[in-house]
Protein backbone atom coordinates (compact mmCIF):
# COMPACT_ATOMS: atom_id res chain seq x y z
CA MET A 1 -0.02 0.01 0.07
CA THR A 2 1.26 3.42 -0.97
CA ALA A 3 1.57 5.91 1.81
CA VAL A 4 -0.32 9.25 1.08
CA ASN A 5 1.55 12.50 1.29
CA PRO A 6 -1.11 15.03 2.08
CA ALA A 7 0.72 17.48 0.00
CA GLN A 8 0.12 15.41 -3.07
CA PRO A 9 -2.86 13.51 -4.38
CA PRO A 10 -2.96 9.69 -3.89
CA ALA A 11 -1.22 7.69 -6.37
CA SER A 12 -3.42 5.16 -8.50
CA ASN A 13 -3.25 1.49 -8.02
CA ALA A 14 -2.59 -0.99 -10.82
CA VAL A 15 -6.06 -0.70 -12.24
CA GLY A 16 -6.00 2.94 -12.45
CA ARG A 17 -8.23 3.70 -9.28
CA PRO A 18 -6.97 6.15 -6.46
CA THR A 19 -5.22 4.19 -3.64
CA PRO A 20 -7.96 3.96 -0.79
CA ILE A 21 -7.48 5.71 2.37
CA THR A 22 -6.97 3.41 5.44
CA ASN A 23 -5.59 3.77 9.18
CA ALA A 24 -2.30 3.11 7.73
CA THR A 25 -2.39 6.07 5.54
CA VAL A 26 -3.99 8.58 8.08
CA LEU A 27 -1.07 9.49 10.34
CA GLN A 28 -1.70 11.54 13.33
CA LYS A 29 1.31 13.50 14.72
CA PRO A 30 1.92 13.93 18.47
CA SER A 31 0.24 16.85 19.90
CA GLY A 32 3.20 18.11 22.01
CA MET A 33 0.92 18.72 25.00
CA PRO A 34 2.23 17.52 28.42
CA VAL A 35 0.34 14.38 28.69
CA HIS A 36 2.87 12.96 31.29
CA LYS A 37 1.33 15.25 33.91
CA TYR A 38 -1.95 13.23 34.02
CA GLY A 39 -2.77 9.79 35.44
CA ARG A 40 -5.45 7.58 34.16
CA TYR A 41 -8.72 6.64 36.13
CA GLU A 42 -8.58 3.38 38.10
CA ALA A 43 -10.67 0.56 36.46
CA VAL A 44 -13.02 -1.19 38.69
CA ASP A 45 -12.45 -5.23 39.14
CA ILE A 46 -16.00 -6.22 38.40
CA PRO A 47 -16.05 -8.97 35.66
CA ASP A 48 -19.58 -10.18 36.26
CA ARG A 49 -20.97 -6.54 35.95
CA THR A 50 -24.71 -6.47 35.22
CA TRP A 51 -25.54 -3.39 34.35
CA PRO A 52 -24.72 -3.34 30.58
CA GLU A 53 -27.83 -5.70 30.35
CA LYS A 54 -30.18 -3.41 32.05
CA ARG A 55 -32.66 -0.69 30.82
CA ILE A 56 -34.16 2.32 32.38
CA THR A 57 -37.78 1.56 32.49
CA LYS A 58 -39.06 4.15 35.00
CA ALA A 59 -38.10 7.41 36.32
CA PRO A 60 -35.66 7.70 39.22
CA ARG A 61 -36.20 9.92 42.31
CA TRP A 62 -34.97 13.49 41.15
CA LEU A 63 -33.40 16.23 43.36
CA SER A 64 -32.88 19.65 41.89
CA THR A 65 -29.97 21.41 43.34
CA ASP A 66 -30.53 24.74 41.35
CA LEU A 67 -31.01 26.90 44.36
CA ARG A 68 -27.66 25.25 46.02
CA ASP A 69 -25.13 23.94 43.55
CA GLY A 70 -26.52 25.84 40.81
CA ASN A 71 -26.67 29.19 42.66
CA GLN A 72 -23.31 28.91 44.15
CA ALA A 73 -21.75 28.67 40.59
CA LEU A 74 -23.42 31.89 39.25
CA ILE A 75 -21.52 35.15 38.56
CA ASP A 76 -24.36 37.03 40.17
CA PRO A 77 -26.15 34.75 42.72
CA MET A 78 -30.02 34.91 42.88
CA SER A 79 -31.84 37.39 44.66
CA PRO A 80 -34.45 36.18 46.93
CA ALA A 81 -37.06 37.00 44.28
CA ARG A 82 -35.19 35.06 41.55
CA LYS A 83 -34.70 32.32 44.11
CA ARG A 84 -38.47 32.25 44.92
CA GLU A 85 -39.17 32.08 41.07
CA MET A 86 -36.82 29.27 40.65
CA PHE A 87 -38.40 27.45 43.64
CA ASP A 88 -41.97 27.82 42.35
CA LEU A 89 -40.98 26.66 38.89
CA LEU A 90 -39.45 23.41 40.17
CA VAL A 91 -42.44 22.60 42.21
CA ARG A 92 -44.94 23.10 39.17
CA MET A 93 -42.64 20.94 37.21
CA GLY A 94 -43.17 18.32 39.82
CA TYR A 95 -39.82 17.93 41.52
CA LYS A 96 -40.48 16.32 44.99
CA GLU A 97 -36.97 16.74 46.55
CA ILE A 98 -35.39 20.23 46.19
CA GLU A 99 -32.29 21.38 47.75
CA VAL A 100 -32.95 25.14 48.74
CA GLY A 101 -29.61 26.20 50.07
CA PHE A 102 -26.70 26.30 52.38
CA PRO A 103 -28.20 28.03 55.43
CA SER A 104 -25.03 28.14 57.33
CA SER A 105 -23.15 29.88 54.63
CA GLY A 106 -24.82 33.18 55.46
CA GLU A 107 -27.91 35.10 56.19
CA THR A 108 -29.14 35.13 52.74
CA ASP A 109 -29.54 31.43 52.34
CA PHE A 110 -30.73 31.10 55.88
CA ALA A 111 -33.47 33.80 55.35
CA PHE A 112 -34.57 32.10 52.12
CA VAL A 113 -35.10 28.88 53.83
CA ARG A 114 -37.05 30.48 56.60
CA SER A 115 -39.15 32.43 53.96
CA ILE A 116 -40.50 29.32 52.04
CA ILE A 117 -41.32 27.62 55.32
CA GLU A 118 -43.16 30.51 56.92
CA GLU A 119 -44.92 31.64 53.84
CA GLY A 120 -46.37 28.24 53.38
CA ALA A 121 -44.70 27.86 49.64
CA ILE A 122 -43.55 24.23 50.30
CA PRO A 123 -46.22 21.74 49.36
CA GLU A 124 -46.68 19.00 51.89
CA ASP A 125 -45.31 16.27 49.26
CA VAL A 126 -42.27 18.30 48.81
CA THR A 127 -39.07 17.46 50.80
CA ILE A 128 -36.63 20.49 51.12
CA SER A 129 -33.05 19.73 51.49
CA VAL A 130 -30.15 21.68 53.10
CA LEU A 131 -26.38 21.22 53.00
CA THR A 132 -23.94 21.42 55.78
CA GLN A 133 -20.37 20.78 56.30
CA ALA A 134 -19.46 18.44 59.22
CA ARG A 135 -18.87 21.20 61.94
CA GLU A 136 -20.97 21.61 64.88
CA GLU A 137 -21.90 25.29 64.85
CA LEU A 138 -22.80 25.06 61.08
CA ILE A 139 -24.83 21.88 61.61
CA GLU A 140 -26.76 23.62 64.47
CA ARG A 141 -27.44 26.61 62.25
CA THR A 142 -28.54 24.32 59.35
CA VAL A 143 -31.01 22.43 61.52
CA GLU A 144 -32.43 25.51 62.83
CA SER A 145 -33.21 26.82 59.45
CA LEU A 146 -35.60 23.88 59.29
CA ARG A 147 -37.79 24.71 62.15
CA GLY A 148 -41.52 24.22 61.34
CA ALA A 149 -40.81 22.42 58.13
CA HIS A 150 -43.27 19.57 57.04
CA ARG A 151 -40.69 17.48 55.30
CA ALA A 152 -36.78 18.13 55.25
CA THR A 153 -33.61 16.53 54.91
CA VAL A 154 -30.12 17.72 56.22
CA HIS A 155 -27.21 16.90 53.71
CA LEU A 156 -23.97 16.54 55.02
CA TYR A 157 -20.78 15.99 53.19
CA ASN A 158 -16.98 15.82 53.78
CA ALA A 159 -14.15 15.23 51.12
CA THR A 160 -12.87 11.67 51.49
CA ALA A 161 -10.52 11.34 48.26
CA PRO A 162 -6.69 10.94 48.71
CA THR A 163 -5.64 14.28 47.65
CA PHE A 164 -8.10 15.94 49.95
CA ARG A 165 -6.88 13.75 52.92
CA ARG A 166 -3.27 14.71 52.05
CA VAL A 167 -3.47 18.46 51.02
CA VAL A 168 -6.59 19.83 52.62
CA PHE A 169 -7.16 17.98 55.91
CA ARG A 170 -3.61 16.21 56.25
CA GLY A 171 -5.53 13.46 58.15
CA THR A 172 -5.57 9.71 58.08
CA ARG A 173 -8.29 7.63 56.59
CA ASP A 174 -9.80 6.99 60.20
CA GLU A 175 -9.62 10.72 60.94
CA VAL A 176 -11.34 11.64 57.91
CA LYS A 177 -14.08 8.62 58.61
CA GLN A 178 -14.36 10.17 61.98
CA ILE A 179 -15.44 13.49 60.62
CA ALA A 180 -18.30 11.74 58.88
CA VAL A 181 -19.30 9.84 61.98
CA ASP A 182 -19.12 12.90 64.35
CA GLY A 183 -21.32 15.10 62.05
CA THR A 184 -23.93 12.42 61.71
CA ARG A 185 -24.31 12.29 65.19
CA LEU A 186 -24.37 15.94 65.74
CA VAL A 187 -27.24 16.18 62.85
CA MET A 188 -29.22 13.74 65.00
CA GLU A 189 -28.87 15.42 68.10
CA TYR A 190 -29.83 18.88 66.85
CA ALA A 191 -32.53 17.32 64.81
CA GLU A 192 -33.98 15.81 68.07
CA LYS A 193 -33.38 19.03 69.96
CA ILE A 194 -34.81 21.63 67.38
CA LEU A 195 -37.34 20.07 65.18
CA GLY A 196 -41.02 19.09 66.41
CA GLU A 197 -43.03 16.04 65.47
CA GLU A 198 -44.62 18.17 62.70
CA THR A 199 -41.27 17.55 60.62
CA ILE A 200 -40.67 14.28 58.86
CA PHE A 201 -36.84 14.38 58.96
CA GLY A 202 -34.46 12.77 56.62
CA TYR A 203 -30.68 12.41 56.47
CA GLN A 204 -28.21 12.36 53.55
CA TYR A 205 -24.40 11.79 53.57
CA SER A 206 -22.14 12.42 50.62
CA PRO A 207 -18.55 11.23 50.64
CA GLU A 208 -17.34 13.99 48.44
CA ILE A 209 -15.22 13.52 45.44
CA PHE A 210 -16.43 9.87 45.54
CA THR A 211 -15.00 9.43 42.01
CA ASP A 212 -11.43 9.77 43.24
CA THR A 213 -11.98 7.98 46.68
CA GLU A 214 -10.83 4.50 46.93
CA LEU A 215 -13.81 2.13 46.79
CA ASP A 216 -12.89 0.18 49.87
CA PHE A 217 -12.76 3.48 51.69
CA ALA A 218 -15.95 4.99 50.30
CA LEU A 219 -17.86 1.65 51.48
CA GLU A 220 -16.05 1.92 54.96
CA VAL A 221 -17.28 5.58 55.47
CA CYS A 222 -20.60 4.88 54.38
CA GLU A 223 -21.09 1.89 56.54
CA ALA A 224 -19.68 3.85 59.56
CA VAL A 225 -22.24 6.59 58.98
CA CYS A 226 -25.10 4.02 58.64
CA ASP A 227 -23.72 2.49 62.03
CA VAL A 228 -24.83 5.89 63.42
CA TRP A 229 -27.91 6.51 61.90
CA GLN A 230 -29.15 3.03 61.80
CA PRO A 231 -31.20 2.64 58.63
CA GLU A 232 -34.15 0.16 58.78
CA GLU A 233 -37.65 -0.07 57.41
CA GLY A 234 -39.34 3.43 57.63
CA ARG A 235 -35.88 4.96 58.22
CA GLU A 236 -33.83 5.34 55.01
CA ILE A 237 -30.60 7.01 54.62
CA ILE A 238 -29.50 8.67 51.45
CA LEU A 239 -26.14 7.88 50.33
CA ASN A 240 -24.95 10.35 47.65
CA LEU A 241 -21.89 9.23 45.75
CA PRO A 242 -20.95 12.58 43.75
CA ALA A 243 -18.71 12.95 40.88
CA THR A 244 -17.61 16.32 42.40
CA VAL A 245 -15.12 16.28 39.41
CA GLU A 246 -15.85 14.00 36.54
CA ARG A 247 -12.80 11.97 36.15
CA SER A 248 -13.68 8.50 34.28
CA THR A 249 -15.75 7.24 31.52
CA PRO A 250 -19.34 6.79 32.24
CA SER A 251 -18.86 3.00 32.08
CA THR A 252 -16.43 3.12 35.13
CA HIS A 253 -18.70 5.19 36.97
CA ALA A 254 -21.32 2.62 36.38
CA ASP A 255 -19.01 -0.07 37.60
CA ARG A 256 -18.24 1.88 40.89
CA PHE A 257 -22.03 2.34 41.51
CA GLU A 258 -22.72 -1.50 40.83
CA TRP A 259 -19.80 -2.23 43.27
CA MET A 260 -21.20 0.16 45.99
CA SER A 261 -24.64 -1.21 45.35
CA ARG A 262 -23.63 -4.79 45.98
CA ASN A 263 -21.35 -4.41 49.04
CA LEU A 264 -23.47 -1.99 51.15
CA SER A 265 -24.59 -4.04 54.19
CA ARG A 266 -28.08 -2.45 54.67
CA ARG A 267 -28.84 -1.71 50.74
CA GLU A 268 -32.54 -2.27 50.95
CA PHE A 269 -32.73 0.67 53.50
CA VAL A 270 -30.35 2.89 51.41
CA CYS A 271 -31.51 5.48 48.63
CA LEU A 272 -28.31 5.48 46.44
CA SER A 273 -27.91 8.85 44.89
CA VAL A 274 -25.93 9.93 41.79
CA HIS A 275 -24.54 13.38 41.67
CA PRO A 276 -22.51 13.86 38.30
CA HIS A 277 -20.64 17.15 37.13
CA ASN A 278 -19.78 17.44 33.29
CA ASP A 279 -16.14 18.06 33.43
CA ARG A 280 -15.46 15.36 30.72
CA GLY A 281 -18.74 16.31 29.03
CA THR A 282 -20.48 13.03 29.62
CA ALA A 283 -22.48 13.71 32.95
CA VAL A 284 -25.79 12.69 31.31
CA ALA A 285 -24.35 9.20 30.05
CA ALA A 286 -22.72 8.66 33.79
CA ALA A 287 -26.19 9.34 35.23
CA GLU A 288 -27.98 7.04 32.98
CA LEU A 289 -25.53 4.03 33.17
CA ALA A 290 -25.51 4.82 37.33
CA LEU A 291 -29.03 4.25 37.12
CA MET A 292 -28.78 1.05 35.24
CA ALA A 293 -26.02 0.13 37.98
CA GLY A 294 -28.26 0.54 40.63
CA ALA A 295 -28.70 4.21 41.50
CA ASP A 296 -31.99 5.22 42.89
CA ARG A 297 -31.89 8.80 42.57
CA ILE A 298 -30.22 11.74 40.55
CA GLU A 299 -29.44 15.14 41.54
CA GLY A 300 -28.69 17.84 39.06
CA CYS A 301 -29.70 21.21 37.76
CA LEU A 302 -32.11 22.40 35.12
CA PHE A 303 -30.10 22.86 31.86
CA GLY A 304 -26.73 21.62 33.50
CA GLN A 305 -26.13 24.84 35.48
CA GLY A 306 -23.50 24.34 37.93
CA GLU A 307 -19.86 24.86 38.69
CA ARG A 308 -17.15 24.60 36.05
CA THR A 309 -18.91 22.75 33.22
CA GLY A 310 -21.91 22.39 35.36
CA ASN A 311 -24.03 19.57 36.97
CA VAL A 312 -25.90 16.90 35.16
CA ASP A 313 -28.67 18.43 33.14
CA LEU A 314 -32.21 17.38 34.47
CA VAL A 315 -33.95 18.65 31.42
CA THR A 316 -31.94 16.29 29.24
CA LEU A 317 -32.18 13.31 31.57
CA GLY A 318 -35.96 13.58 31.91
CA MET A 319 -36.72 14.13 28.21
CA ASN A 320 -34.31 11.54 27.30
CA LEU A 321 -36.73 9.06 29.31
CA PHE A 322 -39.74 10.66 27.57
CA SER A 323 -38.19 10.16 24.12
CA GLN A 324 -38.29 6.40 25.00
CA GLY A 325 -41.65 6.16 26.17
CA VAL A 326 -40.96 6.39 29.92
CA ASP A 327 -42.71 8.88 31.77
CA PRO A 328 -40.07 11.23 33.69
CA GLN A 329 -42.74 12.12 36.13
CA ILE A 330 -41.60 15.66 35.59
CA ASP A 331 -43.70 18.16 33.27
CA PHE A 332 -41.50 19.66 30.39
CA SER A 333 -44.51 20.42 28.35
CA GLN A 334 -43.74 24.19 28.49
CA ILE A 335 -40.14 23.98 27.62
CA ASP A 336 -39.73 27.71 26.56
CA GLU A 337 -41.41 28.81 29.54
CA ILE A 338 -39.05 26.71 31.86
CA ARG A 339 -36.13 27.86 29.71
CA ARG A 340 -37.08 31.65 30.06
CA THR A 341 -37.51 31.23 33.90
CA SER A 342 -34.35 29.66 34.16
CA GLU A 343 -32.56 32.27 32.27
CA TYR A 344 -34.22 35.04 34.36
CA CYS A 345 -33.15 33.38 37.60
CA ASN A 346 -29.61 32.29 36.65
CA GLN A 347 -29.04 35.45 34.30
CA MET A 348 -27.48 33.28 31.91
CA GLU A 349 -28.59 31.97 28.26
CA VAL A 350 -29.64 28.51 27.39
CA HIS A 351 -27.33 27.86 24.28
CA PRO A 352 -29.54 27.44 21.11
CA ARG A 353 -28.17 24.10 20.57
CA HIS A 354 -29.16 22.79 24.03
CA PRO A 355 -31.03 19.28 23.82
CA TYR A 356 -34.84 19.76 23.67
CA ALA A 357 -34.88 23.32 24.75
CA GLY A 358 -32.40 25.29 22.46
CA ASP A 359 -34.02 27.76 20.02
CA LEU A 360 -32.51 25.54 16.97
CA VAL A 361 -33.09 22.08 18.11
CA TYR A 362 -36.10 21.32 16.29
CA THR A 363 -34.86 23.17 13.12
CA ALA A 364 -33.58 21.94 9.75
CA PHE A 365 -31.96 24.07 7.40
CA SER A 366 -30.48 21.23 5.28
CA GLY A 367 -32.52 20.30 2.19
CA SER A 368 -32.22 16.72 2.54
CA HIS A 369 -33.31 16.99 6.10
CA GLN A 370 -36.23 19.26 5.32
CA ASP A 371 -37.37 16.81 2.60
CA ALA A 372 -37.32 13.87 4.99
CA ILE A 373 -39.09 15.85 7.76
CA LYS A 374 -41.86 16.68 5.41
CA LYS A 375 -42.24 13.30 4.08
CA GLY A 376 -42.30 12.22 7.64
CA PHE A 377 -45.12 14.67 8.60
CA ASP A 378 -47.29 13.40 5.46
CA ALA A 379 -46.49 9.73 6.31
CA MET A 380 -47.83 10.07 9.89
CA GLU A 381 -51.08 11.58 8.47
CA THR A 382 -51.55 8.78 6.12
CA ASP A 383 -50.70 6.07 8.74
CA ALA A 384 -53.08 7.76 11.28
CA ALA A 385 -55.80 8.10 8.72
CA ALA A 386 -55.34 4.40 7.67
CA GLN A 387 -55.82 3.36 11.36
CA GLY A 388 -58.91 5.69 12.06
CA ARG A 389 -56.73 7.30 14.70
CA THR A 390 -55.08 10.83 15.09
CA VAL A 391 -51.53 11.50 14.56
CA ASP A 392 -51.10 12.07 18.51
CA ASP A 393 -52.26 8.30 19.07
CA ILE A 394 -49.70 6.54 16.81
CA GLU A 395 -46.01 6.00 17.43
CA TRP A 396 -44.02 9.36 16.52
CA ALA A 397 -41.70 8.51 13.47
CA VAL A 398 -40.57 11.63 11.90
CA PRO A 399 -36.95 11.60 10.49
CA TYR A 400 -34.62 13.93 12.32
CA LEU A 401 -37.00 14.77 15.11
CA PRO A 402 -36.71 12.61 18.06
CA ILE A 403 -39.75 13.87 19.73
CA ASP A 404 -42.82 15.76 18.61
CA PRO A 405 -41.92 19.58 19.25
CA LYS A 406 -45.61 20.17 20.05
CA ASP A 407 -45.33 17.86 23.09
CA VAL A 408 -42.98 20.33 24.70
CA GLY A 409 -45.08 23.38 23.67
CA ARG A 410 -43.34 24.01 20.58
CA SER A 411 -45.13 25.27 17.27
CA TYR A 412 -44.19 23.60 13.99
CA GLU A 413 -43.13 27.15 12.73
CA ALA A 414 -39.37 26.66 13.57
CA VAL A 415 -38.98 23.20 12.47
CA ILE A 416 -38.01 24.12 9.02
CA ARG A 417 -36.09 27.33 8.14
CA VAL A 418 -34.91 28.18 4.76
CA ASN A 419 -31.56 29.38 3.89
CA SER A 420 -28.99 28.80 1.03
CA GLN A 421 -28.48 25.10 2.29
CA SER A 422 -32.27 24.40 1.95
CA GLY A 423 -34.07 22.55 -0.54
CA LYS A 424 -37.65 22.01 -2.07
CA GLY A 425 -38.88 19.95 0.90
CA GLY A 426 -38.28 22.75 3.37
CA ILE A 427 -39.96 25.44 1.37
CA ALA A 428 -42.99 22.99 0.67
CA TYR A 429 -43.30 22.13 4.31
CA VAL A 430 -43.36 25.91 5.29
CA LEU A 431 -46.21 26.47 2.46
CA LYS A 432 -48.13 23.42 3.79
CA ASN A 433 -47.77 24.07 7.40
CA ASP A 434 -48.43 27.60 7.44
CA HIS A 435 -50.85 28.18 4.45
CA LYS A 436 -52.24 24.56 3.60
CA LEU A 437 -50.86 24.71 0.30
CA ASP A 438 -49.55 21.28 -0.77
CA LEU A 439 -47.41 21.74 -3.87
CA PRO A 440 -47.00 19.07 -6.34
CA ARG A 441 -43.44 17.89 -6.55
CA ARG A 442 -42.24 19.65 -9.79
CA MET A 443 -43.85 22.78 -8.64
CA GLN A 444 -41.77 22.44 -5.46
CA ILE A 445 -38.75 22.15 -7.84
CA GLU A 446 -39.73 25.25 -9.54
CA PHE A 447 -40.37 27.56 -6.60
CA SER A 448 -37.33 26.21 -4.59
CA ARG A 449 -35.21 27.61 -7.51
CA ILE A 450 -36.85 30.86 -7.13
CA ILE A 451 -36.06 31.12 -3.31
CA GLN A 452 -32.64 29.61 -3.98
CA ALA A 453 -31.86 32.56 -6.31
CA LYS A 454 -32.93 34.79 -3.53
CA THR A 455 -30.76 33.20 -0.70
CA ASP A 456 -27.92 33.09 -3.10
CA ALA A 457 -28.22 36.77 -3.98
CA GLU A 458 -28.97 38.14 -0.46
CA GLY A 459 -27.52 35.38 1.81
CA GLY A 460 -28.96 34.64 5.31
CA GLU A 461 -32.09 33.09 6.20
CA VAL A 462 -35.56 33.51 4.56
CA THR A 463 -38.08 33.71 6.94
CA PRO A 464 -41.74 31.79 6.41
CA ALA A 465 -43.13 35.53 5.94
CA GLN A 466 -40.71 36.21 3.22
CA ILE A 467 -41.29 33.06 1.66
CA TRP A 468 -44.99 33.66 1.32
CA THR A 469 -44.40 37.26 0.11
CA VAL A 470 -42.31 35.81 -2.63
CA PHE A 471 -44.88 33.10 -3.42
CA GLN A 472 -47.50 35.37 -3.72
CA ASP A 473 -45.61 37.83 -5.92
CA GLU A 474 -44.64 34.76 -8.31
CA TYR A 475 -48.04 32.99 -8.40
CA LEU A 476 -50.77 35.01 -7.00
CA PRO A 477 -51.27 38.57 -8.31
CA ASN A 478 -53.87 40.68 -6.46
CA PRO A 479 -55.39 43.96 -6.66
CA ASP A 480 -52.62 45.33 -4.50
CA ASN A 481 -49.97 43.51 -6.68
CA ALA A 482 -51.57 43.14 -10.10
CA TRP A 483 -49.30 42.13 -12.75
CA GLY A 484 -49.64 39.95 -16.22
CA ARG A 485 -51.48 40.35 -19.26
CA VAL A 486 -54.84 38.76 -18.04
CA GLN A 487 -56.92 39.63 -15.05
CA ILE A 488 -60.33 37.42 -14.80
CA ARG A 489 -63.35 38.87 -12.97
CA SER A 490 -65.73 36.33 -13.62
CA GLY A 491 -66.63 33.13 -15.56
CA GLN A 492 -69.44 30.79 -16.44
CA SER A 493 -69.37 27.33 -17.93
CA THR A 494 -72.16 25.41 -19.48
CA THR A 495 -72.22 21.88 -20.79
CA GLY A 496 -73.75 21.07 -24.18
CA SER A 497 -75.65 17.88 -25.30
CA ASP A 498 -72.82 16.80 -26.93
CA GLY A 499 -70.82 16.75 -23.35
CA ARG A 500 -68.56 19.55 -24.29
CA ASP A 501 -68.04 22.68 -22.26
CA THR A 502 -68.33 26.18 -23.22
CA ILE A 503 -66.71 28.92 -20.99
CA THR A 504 -67.36 32.77 -20.96
CA VAL A 505 -65.01 34.83 -18.89
CA GLU A 506 -65.00 38.36 -18.12
CA ALA A 507 -61.62 39.53 -18.09
CA THR A 508 -59.16 42.52 -18.58
CA VAL A 509 -56.45 41.70 -21.24
CA ASP A 510 -53.44 44.09 -21.75
CA GLY A 511 -55.67 46.70 -19.78
CA ALA A 512 -58.82 46.45 -21.75
CA ASP A 513 -62.03 44.87 -20.64
CA THR A 514 -63.03 41.93 -22.75
CA VAL A 515 -64.93 38.59 -22.93
CA LEU A 516 -63.27 35.51 -23.73
CA THR A 517 -65.13 32.48 -24.98
CA GLY A 518 -64.00 28.81 -25.88
CA THR A 519 -65.23 25.16 -26.11
CA GLY A 520 -63.53 22.04 -25.09
CA ASN A 521 -63.60 18.95 -23.06
CA GLY A 522 -64.02 20.52 -19.83
CA PRO A 523 -63.75 24.05 -18.53
CA ILE A 524 -59.95 24.27 -18.55
CA SER A 525 -59.69 22.89 -22.13
CA ALA A 526 -62.27 25.56 -23.06
CA PHE A 527 -60.41 28.37 -21.52
CA PHE A 528 -57.34 27.32 -23.48
CA GLU A 529 -59.27 27.59 -26.42
CA ALA A 530 -60.41 31.23 -25.44
CA LEU A 531 -56.84 32.30 -24.64
CA GLN A 532 -55.81 31.34 -28.30
CA ALA A 533 -58.17 34.16 -29.56
CA ILE A 534 -55.69 36.63 -27.75
CA GLY A 535 -52.67 34.94 -29.08
CA ILE A 536 -51.88 32.74 -26.15
CA ASP A 537 -50.87 29.32 -27.12
CA ALA A 538 -51.30 27.08 -23.89
CA ARG A 539 -51.30 23.38 -23.36
CA LEU A 540 -52.22 21.44 -20.21
CA LEU A 541 -49.39 19.13 -18.95
CA ASP A 542 -50.39 18.42 -15.25
CA TYR A 543 -53.37 19.44 -12.91
CA THR A 544 -53.94 18.67 -9.36
CA GLU A 545 -56.15 20.27 -6.74
CA HIS A 546 -57.16 19.90 -2.99
CA THR A 547 -59.31 21.60 -0.59
CA MET A 548 -57.55 23.88 2.01
CA SER A 549 -60.02 23.27 4.96
CA GLU A 550 -63.32 21.73 5.90
CA GLY A 551 -66.78 23.20 5.93
CA ALA A 552 -69.00 25.33 3.52
CA SER A 553 -66.61 28.15 3.48
CA ALA A 554 -63.72 25.69 2.30
CA GLN A 555 -61.41 27.11 -0.24
CA ALA A 556 -59.76 24.86 -3.02
CA ALA A 557 -56.27 25.14 -4.41
CA SER A 558 -55.62 24.20 -8.02
CA TYR A 559 -52.03 23.67 -9.46
CA ILE A 560 -51.65 23.72 -13.35
CA GLU A 561 -48.56 22.90 -15.11
CA CYS A 562 -48.60 24.51 -18.66
CA ALA A 563 -46.56 24.65 -21.80
CA ILE A 564 -47.05 28.40 -22.92
CA ASP A 565 -45.34 29.44 -26.05
CA GLY A 566 -42.47 27.03 -25.36
CA LYS A 567 -42.03 27.45 -21.69
CA VAL A 568 -43.07 25.07 -18.99
CA LEU A 569 -44.66 26.95 -15.93
CA TRP A 570 -46.74 26.10 -13.00
CA GLY A 571 -49.60 28.33 -11.88
CA ILE A 572 -51.87 28.46 -8.67
CA GLY A 573 -55.37 29.47 -8.19
CA ILE A 574 -57.27 29.63 -4.92
CA ASP A 575 -60.92 29.98 -4.65
CA ALA A 576 -64.16 28.70 -2.85
CA ASN A 577 -65.42 27.37 -6.43
CA THR A 578 -63.22 24.82 -7.95
CA THR A 579 -63.66 25.74 -11.64
CA ARG A 580 -62.72 29.51 -10.78
CA ALA A 581 -59.76 28.07 -8.85
CA SER A 582 -58.68 26.25 -11.94
CA LEU A 583 -59.04 29.32 -14.20
CA LYS A 584 -57.09 31.40 -11.81
CA ALA A 585 -54.32 28.66 -11.83
CA VAL A 586 -54.21 28.89 -15.75
CA VAL A 587 -54.13 32.90 -15.68
CA SER A 588 -51.22 32.38 -13.01
CA ALA A 589 -49.05 30.48 -15.37
CA VAL A 590 -50.06 32.54 -18.39
CA ASN A 591 -49.28 35.71 -16.76
CA ARG A 592 -45.92 34.30 -15.59
CA ALA A 593 -45.02 33.38 -19.16
CA THR A 594 -45.38 36.98 -20.31
CA ARG A 595 -44.00 38.53 -17.21
């Protein structure tokens, strides 16, 4: 095999064909970056792993940490008003566990927790959660913030990873474990002292930086915490295993969860929670695989808000379930309202390519994509009609659209947008969706060339309104935009005893009022004969029509392809009377030929 020199074209082989490109001929060069500085993640010895065979068939428990982890990552942390707006949004969407702050961090968070309790903003089936470090004065302040709450969880954490033990705490394994044990005991003591019987109280522990903590030590710390809390029937403990910094592949993350789930001694009383961050860009995958590996709950933020590259994205996770026919038990049906509220609260924009919620995620500019989408919509309508059902009652199957945009509150207006990359399918879709005009295929090709010339000349995007303006100007002259040799005012057709039709049309030709008459095998044929009297030689090539709506006032659209003085052109006519619509279509083509 001949090596390829990128500066030269590939040599031909013995039979005159170019040498094929292979792995041997694509030669990557060393980057020169200091890769020696970084160690590899540790694999998990679990040869009989079971998670690869699992599927996610139901929604997990969800916890939103937008008001805590998300808020602490903002350039401009939320004001009390913005916090309340976010909290109310999360409640409306259906989140039943919401981490509402870090009350011991300052008066702002403490006051917010108190406000939603005292103002009765928390539904009885919603559990609020608050975060604390494992120091006594902070634990006391944290529990104090929950006084009077109906359902509340204290979330205690301490870092357990080797780097933190060595650099931050300068402590041994036993000393770091003791921090978790003492903190758990203090949470229990202050909850007993401060909270009354009206509070349903829960506890959550996180061995922070779980992704870098040795598995045997993470298990040892969690078991020690459970020894203090004593989980049993009706007394769960939440063990949250955070990817504080995402450090491995999603598959390794899943292995770690399966290992922990197998080895916890009181697993049936443990809610195993996954808290991914997105440092490697695979937080969603890590969360989904962790669920397959035994996790019960996911913590994250709307749209992936959070420190550095963000927490795992709850919107994407929930909508991924929805797209597979699994109820996420969270309401995303008004995705734009959710996005706008999040942008207001966080003072940060959601990217236009963000999965499911971005401005452009249901939009196709490519001509081949647009054509496939249009055909997909048409096939859905045909299949539904054949089954005697509505489109909403059959399985969704439209190319390039994983879900129906209507299900998240989007209109179809933005599904297809036209620019220089677009083709006939996209333009035809806009006309059918917005104006109920189902153009024949050859007419689609004809009109797409007109739009293509416009985009090539002017650049940028052509909006649906601009497409319609161009279409009207090209095919539908009207009193406000009169052009062409012929304008018809009225027409009457009669059928003789020989079965032939005679047509009489009152018209204006070249600015002069006149009456055109002709006879033929049908009104259109008769009109062609009438046009010959004024020197127009027209011949019918194709004809199609359809109604544009139902009911007594429904209009018809007629499309006629004509050969006119050596030109092949389409015309369109719209009228409540199908005969008049046909005559208008002929006039449209005739006028275009002489324009």
